[in-house]
Protein backbone atom coordinates (compact mmCIF):
# COMPACT_ATOMS: atom_id res chain seq x y z
CA MET A 1 0.05 0.02 0.13
CA ILE A 2 2.78 2.38 0.83
CA ASN A 3 4.42 1.81 -2.43
CA GLN A 4 1.15 2.43 -4.26
CA ILE A 5 0.89 5.79 -2.57
CA VAL A 6 4.59 6.73 -3.13
CA PHE A 7 4.90 5.83 -6.79
CA GLY A 8 1.10 7.06 -7.51
CA LEU A 9 1.97 10.42 -6.02
CA ILE A 10 5.10 10.66 -7.97
CA TRP A 11 3.33 9.68 -11.08
CA LEU A 12 0.55 12.30 -10.45
CA SER A 13 3.06 14.95 -9.76
CA PHE A 14 5.26 14.24 -12.99
CA ILE A 15 1.98 14.54 -15.00
CA LEU A 16 0.96 17.69 -13.37
CA TYR A 17 4.37 19.14 -13.80
CA ALA A 18 4.73 18.18 -17.31
CA PHE A 19 1.43 19.65 -18.59
CA ILE A 20 1.04 22.54 -16.17
CA PHE A 21 4.44 23.94 -14.93
CA ALA A 22 6.90 22.99 -17.64
CA PRO A 23 7.83 25.43 -20.43
CA PRO A 24 5.16 25.57 -23.23
CA ASP A 25 5.17 23.40 -26.31
CA GLN A 26 6.85 25.09 -29.32
CA PRO A 27 5.47 25.35 -32.94
CA ASP A 28 8.25 22.90 -34.30
CA THR A 29 7.92 20.28 -31.68
CA LEU A 30 6.18 17.76 -34.02
CA THR A 31 8.73 18.58 -36.69
CA LEU A 32 11.57 17.97 -34.39
CA ILE A 33 10.18 14.70 -33.03
CA GLN A 34 9.56 13.43 -36.67
CA ASN A 35 13.24 14.37 -37.66
CA LEU A 36 14.66 12.73 -34.53
CA SER A 37 12.64 9.39 -35.28
CA THR A 38 13.50 9.15 -38.97
CA GLY A 39 17.20 10.30 -38.56
CA ASN A 40 16.88 13.55 -40.39
CA TRP A 41 19.20 15.08 -38.12
CA ALA A 42 20.80 18.03 -39.89
CA GLY A 43 20.69 21.18 -37.90
CA ILE A 44 19.85 19.46 -34.75
CA ASN A 45 22.03 19.88 -31.47
CA PRO A 46 23.90 16.42 -31.11
CA LEU A 47 22.93 16.58 -27.35
CA ILE A 48 19.29 16.55 -28.04
CA ILE A 49 20.05 13.62 -30.68
CA ALA A 50 22.05 11.64 -28.25
CA LEU A 51 19.24 12.19 -25.38
CA PHE A 52 16.35 11.18 -27.59
CA ASN A 53 18.15 8.16 -28.60
CA ILE A 54 19.08 7.17 -25.12
CA MET A 55 15.48 7.25 -24.03
CA GLY A 56 14.97 4.56 -26.35
CA ILE A 57 17.84 2.61 -24.60
CA TRP A 58 16.15 3.18 -21.14
CA PRO A 59 13.06 1.10 -21.80
CA LEU A 60 15.33 -1.95 -23.20
CA ILE A 61 17.06 -1.62 -20.02
CA TYR A 62 13.94 -1.84 -18.07
CA SER A 63 12.70 -4.55 -20.16
CA CYS A 64 15.48 -6.67 -19.10
CA VAL A 65 14.09 -6.52 -15.72
CA LEU A 66 10.43 -5.91 -15.87
CA PHE A 67 9.61 -8.99 -17.84
CA MET A 68 11.39 -11.28 -15.26
CA ASP A 69 9.51 -9.45 -12.55
CA GLY A 70 6.11 -9.35 -14.35
CA GLN A 71 6.01 -13.27 -14.58
CA GLY A 72 5.27 -13.46 -10.87
CA GLN A 73 2.84 -10.52 -10.77
CA LYS A 74 -0.98 -10.36 -11.08
CA ILE A 75 -0.61 -7.59 -13.60
CA PRO A 76 1.37 -8.37 -16.87
CA ALA A 77 4.60 -6.20 -17.23
CA TRP A 78 4.45 -6.08 -21.20
CA PRO A 79 1.87 -3.19 -21.54
CA PHE A 80 3.92 -0.98 -19.29
CA ALA A 81 7.17 -1.89 -20.85
CA THR A 82 5.75 -1.35 -24.40
CA LEU A 83 4.30 2.07 -23.51
CA SER A 84 7.69 3.09 -21.88
CA PHE A 85 9.30 3.24 -25.41
CA GLY A 86 6.95 6.16 -26.11
CA VAL A 87 6.34 7.93 -22.71
CA GLY A 88 9.20 6.54 -20.60
CA ALA A 89 8.59 6.99 -16.74
CA PHE A 90 5.02 7.85 -17.51
CA ALA A 91 4.47 4.23 -18.19
CA ILE A 92 6.87 2.62 -15.62
CA LEU A 93 5.37 4.41 -12.52
CA PRO A 94 1.98 2.73 -12.74
CA TYR A 95 3.70 -0.63 -12.77
CA LEU A 96 5.65 0.09 -9.68
CA ALA A 97 2.67 1.20 -7.99
CA PHE A 98 0.84 -1.82 -8.67
CA ARG A 99 3.44 -4.54 -8.61
CA GLN A 100 4.08 -6.94 -5.63
CA PRO A 101 7.59 -7.74 -4.10
CA ASN A 102 8.72 -10.61 -6.16
CA ARG A 103 11.98 -12.22 -5.43
CA GLN A 104 11.60 -15.56 -7.21
CA PHE A 105 11.62 -16.45 -10.51
CA VAL A 106 9.07 -19.29 -11.20
CA GLY A 107 8.93 -21.50 -14.44
CA LYS A 108 11.03 -21.79 -17.27
CA LYS A 109 12.77 -19.17 -19.26
CA SER A 110 11.18 -18.53 -22.61
CA LEU A 111 13.51 -17.64 -25.71
CA PHE A 112 12.35 -13.89 -25.23
CA ILE A 113 13.44 -13.99 -21.50
CA LYS A 114 16.63 -15.71 -22.42
CA VAL A 115 17.42 -12.83 -24.80
CA LEU A 116 16.61 -10.23 -22.31
CA ASP A 117 18.60 -12.11 -19.55
CA SER A 118 21.57 -12.33 -21.88
CA ARG A 119 24.65 -10.63 -21.13
CA ILE A 120 25.25 -10.05 -24.89
CA THR A 121 22.05 -7.94 -24.68
CA GLY A 122 23.53 -5.74 -21.89
CA LEU A 123 26.85 -5.40 -23.70
CA LEU A 124 25.20 -4.25 -26.94
CA LEU A 125 23.02 -1.57 -24.89
CA THR A 126 26.01 -0.33 -23.30
CA LEU A 127 27.90 0.00 -26.53
CA GLY A 128 25.11 2.08 -28.01
CA ALA A 129 24.80 4.12 -24.91
CA ILE A 130 28.68 4.98 -24.91
CA ALA A 131 28.47 5.78 -28.56
CA LEU A 132 25.50 8.14 -27.93
CA VAL A 133 27.09 9.64 -24.82
CA SER A 134 30.27 10.17 -26.59
CA TYR A 135 28.70 11.78 -29.63
CA GLY A 136 26.64 14.23 -27.54
CA PHE A 137 29.32 15.36 -25.17
CA SER A 138 31.85 15.70 -27.92
CA GLN A 139 29.68 17.50 -30.65
CA GLY A 140 26.85 18.90 -28.60
CA ASN A 141 26.48 22.56 -27.96
CA TRP A 142 25.54 22.91 -24.21
CA GLY A 143 24.54 26.66 -24.25
CA ASP A 144 21.87 25.82 -27.00
CA PHE A 145 20.53 22.65 -25.18
CA ILE A 146 20.20 24.74 -21.71
CA GLN A 147 18.31 27.29 -23.84
CA GLN A 148 16.08 24.69 -25.27
CA TRP A 149 15.69 23.06 -21.96
CA GLN A 150 14.39 26.52 -20.44
CA THR A 151 11.84 27.15 -23.48
CA SER A 152 10.71 23.64 -24.92
CA ARG A 153 8.40 21.39 -23.21
CA PHE A 154 9.67 18.45 -25.26
CA ILE A 155 13.27 18.72 -24.23
CA HIS A 156 12.48 19.81 -20.67
CA VAL A 157 10.28 16.89 -20.04
CA MET A 158 12.53 14.49 -21.91
CA SER A 159 15.39 15.69 -19.90
CA LEU A 160 13.37 15.04 -16.52
CA ASP A 161 12.23 11.70 -17.83
CA PHE A 162 15.98 10.65 -18.20
CA CYS A 163 16.40 11.68 -14.63
CA LEU A 164 13.42 9.88 -13.12
CA LEU A 165 14.08 6.69 -14.76
CA SER A 166 17.49 6.76 -13.47
CA LEU A 167 16.11 7.09 -10.06
CA LEU A 168 13.47 4.64 -10.29
CA PHE A 169 15.68 1.68 -11.25
CA PRO A 170 16.50 0.70 -7.83
CA ALA A 171 12.92 -0.06 -7.12
CA LEU A 172 13.27 -3.20 -9.38
CA LEU A 173 16.74 -3.79 -8.68
CA GLY A 174 16.72 -5.32 -5.28
CA ASP A 175 14.25 -8.08 -6.31
CA ASP A 176 15.99 -8.83 -9.53
CA MET A 177 19.16 -9.25 -7.52
CA ALA A 178 17.28 -11.65 -5.15
CA ARG A 179 16.05 -13.77 -7.86
CA ARG A 180 19.75 -14.50 -9.03
CA GLY A 181 21.07 -14.94 -5.38
CA MET A 182 22.98 -11.74 -5.58
CA LYS A 183 23.25 -10.19 -1.91
CA ASN A 184 26.25 -7.67 -2.37
CA GLN A 185 24.82 -4.42 -1.25
CA ALA A 186 27.84 -2.63 -2.68
CA ILE A 187 26.60 -3.71 -6.06
CA PHE A 188 23.28 -2.45 -5.35
CA TRP A 189 24.31 0.88 -4.33
CA GLY A 190 26.88 1.24 -7.01
CA VAL A 191 24.28 0.30 -9.68
CA SER A 192 21.77 2.75 -8.11
CA LEU A 193 24.02 5.80 -7.97
CA VAL A 194 25.62 5.85 -11.45
CA PRO A 195 22.94 7.05 -13.92
CA LEU A 196 22.38 4.82 -17.12
CA PHE A 197 25.73 3.05 -17.08
CA GLY A 198 25.19 1.68 -13.49
CA PRO A 199 22.18 -0.38 -14.56
CA LEU A 200 23.97 -1.10 -17.95
CA PHE A 201 27.03 -2.63 -15.89
CA TYR A 202 24.38 -4.59 -13.87
CA LEU A 203 23.00 -6.17 -16.92
CA ILE A 204 26.36 -7.13 -18.12
CA THR A 205 27.76 -8.66 -14.88
CA ARG A 206 24.63 -9.97 -13.16
CA ILE A 207 24.26 -13.95 -12.53
CA PRO A 208 21.90 -15.37 -15.11
CA LEU A 209 18.52 -16.61 -14.06
CA LYS A 210 17.81 -20.32 -13.46
CA ASP A 211 14.71 -22.11 -14.32
CA HIS A 212 12.57 -22.82 -11.43
CA GLN A 213 9.67 -25.15 -11.01
CA PRO A 214 6.33 -23.93 -9.99
CA LEU A 215 5.77 -23.28 -6.34
CA THR A 216 3.63 -25.65 -4.15
CA THR A 217 0.50 -24.42 -2.61
CA SER A 218 2.33 -24.32 0.62
CA GLU A 219 5.29 -22.44 -0.53
CA SER A 220 2.97 -19.87 -2.33
CA ALA A 221 1.02 -19.27 0.82
CA SER A 222 4.10 -18.91 2.90
CA ILE A 223 5.33 -16.17 0.30
CA SER A 224 1.97 -14.47 0.55
CA VAL A 225 2.17 -14.16 4.33
CA GLN A 226 6.02 -12.73 3.98
CA ASN A 227 4.53 -10.27 1.70
């Protein structure tokens, strides 16, 4: 219940801020989004290009944890994971509000889960993130980015979305580590405190999930009492 209240309030606050208190929409916002989506990047600040594409990496990072977590939930994870590709934390927050603690992986790993659980997937995402961050920092114009952050709702909210996704990842990290038998708190805090590359490092180094048989009725009842 506490999690529902906390994450629900964060979700509502983010919505209110994005649509009421953030800078106004600019006339060219739709054109900018179309150009970013289609690779027509001429004349666009590389920092904005990098951030936009990193916001496509974040949902993949979350998917590598969400789909394992969702296998033991009453609500499916896939609608929230799918929507996060378009709206980021606006989709992740409701899932965090309604999910229950889930420290076990029950059943067999499907091919899809195996791909998300693979360290190769984490490595590919990491290489993509390194390339984007390097490009943005080396070629980007910080003065222009700050000016657009102050005047464009799209840039402003996208930047805050990046920060929020970084802050929310630990809410899923603890249970994912428990499902893998990882108990090192130094790893938890190291991953949690380093934006983007902390979670990516975790995806590369985490212990792979093992298949588990379905719980017995008595085991399920015991876990329910503990939760």
